[in-house]
């Protein structure tokens, strides 16, 4: 099974919808995401100001 890659804009849109109160599963259907857990992880990055993490490739990351 291949990893899905989502654009930076898609990730920000998903976080915006989540912050507006749209349920995670509905966002997955709207944007074609594989799991709603991704959105919560992206929201954590945005809350912490780690926007650079939204552009990183999948896999282990080193600073």
PDB file of N, CA and C in Angstrom:
ATOM      1  N   UNK A   1       0.836  -1.168   0.000  1.00  0.00           N
ATOM      2  CA  UNK A   1       0.000   0.000   0.000  1.00  0.00           C
ATOM      3  C   UNK A   1       0.886   1.238   0.000  1.00  0.00           C
ATOM      4  N   UNK A   2       0.616   2.158  -0.888  1.00  0.00           N
ATOM      5  CA  UNK A   2       1.446   3.350  -1.031  1.00  0.00           C
ATOM      6  C   UNK A   2       1.001   4.435  -0.055  1.00  0.00           C
ATOM      7  N   UNK A   3       1.954   5.270   0.339  1.00  0.00           N
ATOM      8  CA  UNK A   3       1.620   6.409   1.194  1.00  0.00           C
ATOM      9  C   UNK A   3       0.883   7.454   0.381  1.00  0.00           C
ATOM     10  N   UNK A   4      -0.122   8.051   0.994  1.00  0.00           N
ATOM     11  CA  UNK A   4      -0.829   9.151   0.347  1.00  0.00           C
ATOM     12  C   UNK A   4      -0.096  10.437   0.659  1.00  0.00           C
ATOM     13  N   UNK A   5      -0.091  11.334  -0.301  1.00  0.00           N
ATOM     14  CA  UNK A   5       0.530  12.636  -0.108  1.00  0.00           C
ATOM     15  C   UNK A   5      -0.522  13.692  -0.341  1.00  0.00           C
ATOM     16  N   UNK A   6      -0.599  14.606   0.576  1.00  0.00           N
ATOM     17  CA  UNK A   6      -1.589  15.660   0.483  1.00  0.00           C
ATOM     18  C   UNK A   6      -0.871  16.999   0.404  1.00  0.00           C
ATOM     19  N   UNK A   7      -1.447  17.918  -0.356  1.00  0.00           N
ATOM     20  CA  UNK A   7      -0.818  19.222  -0.535  1.00  0.00           C
ATOM     21  C   UNK A   7      -0.912  20.047   0.751  1.00  0.00           C
ATOM     22  N   UNK A   8      -0.061  21.016   0.830  1.00  0.00           N
ATOM     23  CA  UNK A   8      -0.035  21.934   1.972  1.00  0.00           C
ATOM     24  C   UNK A   8      -1.391  22.621   2.134  1.00  0.00           C
ATOM     25  N   UNK A   9      -1.977  23.024   1.009  1.00  0.00           N
ATOM     26  CA  UNK A   9      -3.265  23.708   1.028  1.00  0.00           C
ATOM     27  C   UNK A   9      -4.378  22.797   1.526  1.00  0.00           C
ATOM     28  N   UNK A  10      -4.342  21.518   1.142  1.00  0.00           N
ATOM     29  CA  UNK A  10      -5.339  20.557   1.605  1.00  0.00           C
ATOM     30  C   UNK A  10      -5.249  20.381   3.112  1.00  0.00           C
ATOM     31  N   UNK A  11      -4.040  20.312   3.620  1.00  0.00           N
ATOM     32  CA  UNK A  11      -3.840  20.150   5.060  1.00  0.00           C
ATOM     33  C   UNK A  11      -4.368  21.352   5.825  1.00  0.00           C
ATOM     34  N   UNK A  12      -4.067  22.556   5.351  1.00  0.00           N
ATOM     35  CA  UNK A  12      -4.555  23.758   6.020  1.00  0.00           C
ATOM     36  C   UNK A  12      -6.075  23.855   5.951  1.00  0.00           C
ATOM     37  N   UNK A  13      -6.654  23.463   4.816  1.00  0.00           N
ATOM     38  CA  UNK A  13      -8.108  23.479   4.671  1.00  0.00           C
ATOM     39  C   UNK A  13      -8.755  22.498   5.642  1.00  0.00           C
ATOM     40  N   UNK A  14      -8.166  21.323   5.803  1.00  0.00           N
ATOM     41  CA  UNK A  14      -8.695  20.323   6.728  1.00  0.00           C
ATOM     42  C   UNK A  14      -8.652  20.853   8.164  1.00  0.00           C
ATOM     43  N   UNK A  15      -7.565  21.498   8.536  1.00  0.00           N
ATOM     44  CA  UNK A  15      -7.441  22.054   9.888  1.00  0.00           C
ATOM     45  C   UNK A  15      -8.448  23.183  10.089  1.00  0.00           C
ATOM     46  N   UNK A  16      -8.628  24.009   9.068  1.00  0.00           N
ATOM     47  CA  UNK A  16      -9.590  25.111   9.165  1.00  0.00           C
ATOM     48  C   UNK A  16     -11.006  24.573   9.389  1.00  0.00           C
ATOM     49  N   UNK A  17     -11.390  23.558   8.616  1.00  0.00           N
ATOM     50  CA  UNK A  17     -12.717  22.965   8.766  1.00  0.00           C
ATOM     51  C   UNK A  17     -12.892  22.343  10.151  1.00  0.00           C
ATOM     52  N   UNK A  18     -11.852  21.672  10.635  1.00  0.00           N
ATOM     53  CA  UNK A  18     -11.912  21.053  11.954  1.00  0.00           C
ATOM     54  C   UNK A  18     -12.098  22.115  13.045  1.00  0.00           C
ATOM     55  N   UNK A  19     -11.405  23.224  12.898  1.00  0.00           N
ATOM     56  CA  UNK A  19     -11.524  24.303  13.872  1.00  0.00           C
ATOM     57  C   UNK A  19     -12.894  24.977  13.827  1.00  0.00           C
ATOM     58  N   UNK A  20     -13.583  24.876  12.681  1.00  0.00           N
ATOM     59  CA  UNK A  20     -14.925  25.434  12.554  1.00  0.00           C
ATOM     60  C   UNK A  20     -15.993  24.496  13.105  1.00  0.00           C
ATOM     61  N   UNK A  21     -15.588  23.287  13.510  1.00  0.00           N
ATOM     62  CA  UNK A  21     -16.530  22.369  14.121  1.00  0.00           C
ATOM     63  C   UNK A  21     -17.032  21.252  13.231  1.00  0.00           C
ATOM     64  N   UNK A  22     -16.479  21.134  12.033  1.00  0.00           N
ATOM     65  CA  UNK A  22     -16.881  20.045  11.139  1.00  0.00           C
ATOM     66  C   UNK A  22     -16.242  18.752  11.649  1.00  0.00           C
ATOM     67  N   UNK A  23     -17.013  17.662  11.757  1.00  0.00           N
ATOM     68  CA  UNK A  23     -16.442  16.399  12.240  1.00  0.00           C
ATOM     69  C   UNK A  23     -15.327  15.878  11.328  1.00  0.00           C
ATOM     70  N   UNK A  24     -14.344  15.222  11.940  1.00  0.00           N
ATOM     71  CA  UNK A  24     -13.187  14.724  11.200  1.00  0.00           C
ATOM     72  C   UNK A  24     -13.546  13.762  10.086  1.00  0.00           C
ATOM     73  N   UNK A  25     -14.485  12.869  10.331  1.00  0.00           N
ATOM     74  CA  UNK A  25     -14.858  11.891   9.300  1.00  0.00           C
ATOM     75  C   UNK A  25     -15.519  12.561   8.101  1.00  0.00           C
ATOM     76  N   UNK A  26     -16.280  13.605   8.354  1.00  0.00           N
ATOM     77  CA  UNK A  26     -16.917  14.337   7.251  1.00  0.00           C
ATOM     78  C   UNK A  26     -15.856  15.049   6.409  1.00  0.00           C
ATOM     79  N   UNK A  27     -14.841  15.591   7.073  1.00  0.00           N
ATOM     80  CA  UNK A  27     -13.746  16.259   6.364  1.00  0.00           C
ATOM     81  C   UNK A  27     -13.023  15.244   5.479  1.00  0.00           C
ATOM     82  N   UNK A  28     -12.823  14.028   5.990  1.00  0.00           N
ATOM     83  CA  UNK A  28     -12.161  12.985   5.200  1.00  0.00           C
ATOM     84  C   UNK A  28     -12.928  12.700   3.925  1.00  0.00           C
ATOM     85  N   UNK A  29     -14.226  12.610   4.022  1.00  0.00           N
ATOM     86  CA  UNK A  29     -15.047  12.362   2.834  1.00  0.00           C
ATOM     87  C   UNK A  29     -15.009  13.542   1.880  1.00  0.00           C
ATOM     88  N   UNK A  30     -15.049  14.766   2.429  1.00  0.00           N
ATOM     89  CA  UNK A  30     -15.056  15.966   1.597  1.00  0.00           C
ATOM     90  C   UNK A  30     -13.754  16.130   0.830  1.00  0.00           C
ATOM     91  N   UNK A  31     -12.631  15.885   1.496  1.00  0.00           N
ATOM     92  CA  UNK A  31     -11.320  16.146   0.898  1.00  0.00           C
ATOM     93  C   UNK A  31     -10.621  14.895   0.381  1.00  0.00           C
ATOM     94  N   UNK A  32     -11.225  13.727   0.593  1.00  0.00           N
ATOM     95  CA  UNK A  32     -10.624  12.492   0.113  1.00  0.00           C
ATOM     96  C   UNK A  32      -9.428  12.034   0.929  1.00  0.00           C
ATOM     97  N   UNK A  33      -9.456  12.292   2.231  1.00  0.00           N
ATOM     98  CA  UNK A  33      -8.362  11.876   3.100  1.00  0.00           C
ATOM     99  C   UNK A  33      -8.585  10.444   3.556  1.00  0.00           C
ATOM    100  N   UNK A  34      -7.508   9.782   3.916  1.00  0.00           N
ATOM    101  CA  UNK A  34      -7.588   8.379   4.302  1.00  0.00           C
ATOM    102  C   UNK A  34      -8.047   8.188   5.742  1.00  0.00           C
ATOM    103  N   UNK A  35      -7.647   9.092   6.644  1.00  0.00           N
ATOM    104  CA  UNK A  35      -7.938   8.911   8.064  1.00  0.00           C
ATOM    105  C   UNK A  35      -8.152  10.267   8.720  1.00  0.00           C
ATOM    106  N   UNK A  36      -9.070  10.311   9.690  1.00  0.00           N
ATOM    107  CA  UNK A  36      -9.278  11.568  10.391  1.00  0.00           C
ATOM    108  C   UNK A  36      -8.185  11.833  11.422  1.00  0.00           C
ATOM    109  N   UNK A  37      -7.416  10.820  11.774  1.00  0.00           N
ATOM    110  CA  UNK A  37      -6.294  11.011  12.688  1.00  0.00           C
ATOM    111  C   UNK A  37      -5.246  11.948  12.129  1.00  0.00           C
ATOM    112  N   UNK A  38      -5.117  11.967  10.817  1.00  0.00           N
ATOM    113  CA  UNK A  38      -4.167  12.879  10.171  1.00  0.00           C
ATOM    114  C   UNK A  38      -4.501  14.333  10.484  1.00  0.00           C
ATOM    115  N   UNK A  39      -5.782  14.638  10.448  1.00  0.00           N
ATOM    116  CA  UNK A  39      -6.213  16.020  10.637  1.00  0.00           C
ATOM    117  C   UNK A  39      -5.862  16.508  12.042  1.00  0.00           C
ATOM    118  N   UNK A  40      -6.037  15.642  13.018  1.00  0.00           N
ATOM    119  CA  UNK A  40      -5.728  16.025  14.394  1.00  0.00           C
ATOM    120  C   UNK A  40      -4.225  16.237  14.580  1.00  0.00           C
ATOM    121  N   UNK A  41      -3.424  15.443  13.888  1.00  0.00           N
ATOM    122  CA  UNK A  41      -1.974  15.629  13.927  1.00  0.00           C
ATOM    123  C   UNK A  41      -1.598  16.950  13.279  1.00  0.00           C
ATOM    124  N   UNK A  42      -2.206  17.258  12.133  1.00  0.00           N
ATOM    125  CA  UNK A  42      -1.922  18.519  11.453  1.00  0.00           C
ATOM    126  C   UNK A  42      -2.343  19.701  12.307  1.00  0.00           C
ATOM    127  N   UNK A  43      -3.477  19.566  13.007  1.00  0.00           N
ATOM    128  CA  UNK A  43      -3.945  20.651  13.868  1.00  0.00           C
ATOM    129  C   UNK A  43      -2.948  20.892  15.003  1.00  0.00           C
ATOM    130  N   UNK A  44      -2.376  19.818  15.529  1.00  0.00           N
ATOM    131  CA  UNK A  44      -1.365  19.956  16.587  1.00  0.00           C
ATOM    132  C   UNK A  44      -0.159  20.740  16.066  1.00  0.00           C
ATOM    133  N   UNK A  45       0.275  20.436  14.848  1.00  0.00           N
ATOM    134  CA  UNK A  45       1.403  21.155  14.262  1.00  0.00           C
ATOM    135  C   UNK A  45       1.080  22.644  14.115  1.00  0.00           C
ATOM    136  N   UNK A  46      -0.123  22.955  13.646  1.00  0.00           N
ATOM    137  CA  UNK A  46      -0.514  24.349  13.443  1.00  0.00           C
ATOM    138  C   UNK A  46      -0.598  25.076  14.776  1.00  0.00           C
ATOM    139  N   UNK A  47      -1.166  24.434  15.790  1.00  0.00           N
ATOM    140  CA  UNK A  47      -1.268  25.058  17.115  1.00  0.00           C
ATOM    141  C   UNK A  47       0.098  25.379  17.691  1.00  0.00           C
ATOM    142  N   UNK A  48       1.078  24.512  17.432  1.00  0.00           N
ATOM    143  CA  UNK A  48       2.431  24.717  17.949  1.00  0.00           C
ATOM    144  C   UNK A  48       3.262  25.638  17.070  1.00  0.00           C
ATOM    145  N   UNK A  49       2.704  26.077  15.933  1.00  0.00           N
ATOM    146  CA  UNK A  49       3.424  26.960  15.023  1.00  0.00           C
ATOM    147  C   UNK A  49       4.439  26.235  14.159  1.00  0.00           C
ATOM    148  N   UNK A  50       4.326  24.913  14.059  1.00  0.00           N
ATOM    149  CA  UNK A  50       5.265  24.108  13.272  1.00  0.00           C
ATOM    150  C   UNK A  50       4.747  23.893  11.851  1.00  0.00           C
ATOM    151  N   UNK A  51       4.506  24.983  11.131  1.00  0.00           N
ATOM    152  CA  UNK A  51       3.965  24.882   9.775  1.00  0.00           C
ATOM    153  C   UNK A  51       4.907  24.135   8.836  1.00  0.00           C
ATOM    154  N   UNK A  52       6.204  24.192   9.108  1.00  0.00           N
ATOM    155  CA  UNK A  52       7.168  23.500   8.255  1.00  0.00           C
ATOM    156  C   UNK A  52       6.904  21.995   8.241  1.00  0.00           C
ATOM    157  N   UNK A  53       6.313  21.467   9.315  1.00  0.00           N
ATOM    158  CA  UNK A  53       6.060  20.019   9.380  1.00  0.00           C
ATOM    159  C   UNK A  53       4.960  19.593   8.415  1.00  0.00           C
ATOM    160  N   UNK A  54       4.136  20.526   7.967  1.00  0.00           N
ATOM    161  CA  UNK A  54       3.093  20.192   7.003  1.00  0.00           C
ATOM    162  C   UNK A  54       3.675  19.953   5.613  1.00  0.00           C
ATOM    163  N   UNK A  55       4.888  20.438   5.366  1.00  0.00           N
ATOM    164  CA  UNK A  55       5.528  20.266   4.061  1.00  0.00           C
ATOM    165  C   UNK A  55       6.518  19.117   4.030  1.00  0.00           C
ATOM    166  N   UNK A  56       6.790  18.479   5.163  1.00  0.00           N
ATOM    167  CA  UNK A  56       7.773  17.409   5.205  1.00  0.00           C
ATOM    168  C   UNK A  56       7.252  16.155   4.507  1.00  0.00           C
ATOM    169  N   UNK A  57       8.167  15.395   3.981  1.00  0.00           N
ATOM    170  CA  UNK A  57       7.826  14.129   3.343  1.00  0.00           C
ATOM    171  C   UNK A  57       7.494  13.080   4.412  1.00  0.00           C
ATOM    172  N   UNK A  58       6.715  12.064   4.068  1.00  0.00           N
ATOM    173  CA  UNK A  58       6.421  10.997   5.025  1.00  0.00           C
ATOM    174  C   UNK A  58       7.698  10.266   5.455  1.00  0.00           C
ATOM    175  N   UNK A  59       7.680   9.709   6.642  1.00  0.00           N
ATOM    176  CA  UNK A  59       8.821   8.960   7.145  1.00  0.00           C
ATOM    177  C   UNK A  59       9.480   9.660   8.315  1.00  0.00           C
ATOM    178  N   UNK A  60      10.550   9.071   8.788  1.00  0.00           N
ATOM    179  CA  UNK A  60      11.260   9.627   9.936  1.00  0.00           C
ATOM    180  C   UNK A  60      11.928  10.929   9.553  1.00  0.00           C
ATOM    181  N   UNK A  61      11.775  11.927  10.417  1.00  0.00           N
ATOM    182  CA  UNK A  61      12.319  13.253  10.145  1.00  0.00           C
ATOM    183  C   UNK A  61      13.421  13.582  11.141  1.00  0.00           C
ATOM    184  N   UNK A  62      14.443  14.208  10.642  1.00  0.00           N
ATOM    185  CA  UNK A  62      15.567  14.625  11.481  1.00  0.00           C
ATOM    186  C   UNK A  62      15.669  16.127  11.402  1.00  0.00           C
ATOM    187  N   UNK A  63      16.049  16.763  12.511  1.00  0.00           N
ATOM    188  CA  UNK A  63      16.210  18.226  12.504  1.00  0.00           C
ATOM    189  C   UNK A  63      17.581  18.598  12.053  1.00  0.00           C
TER     190      UNK A  63
END
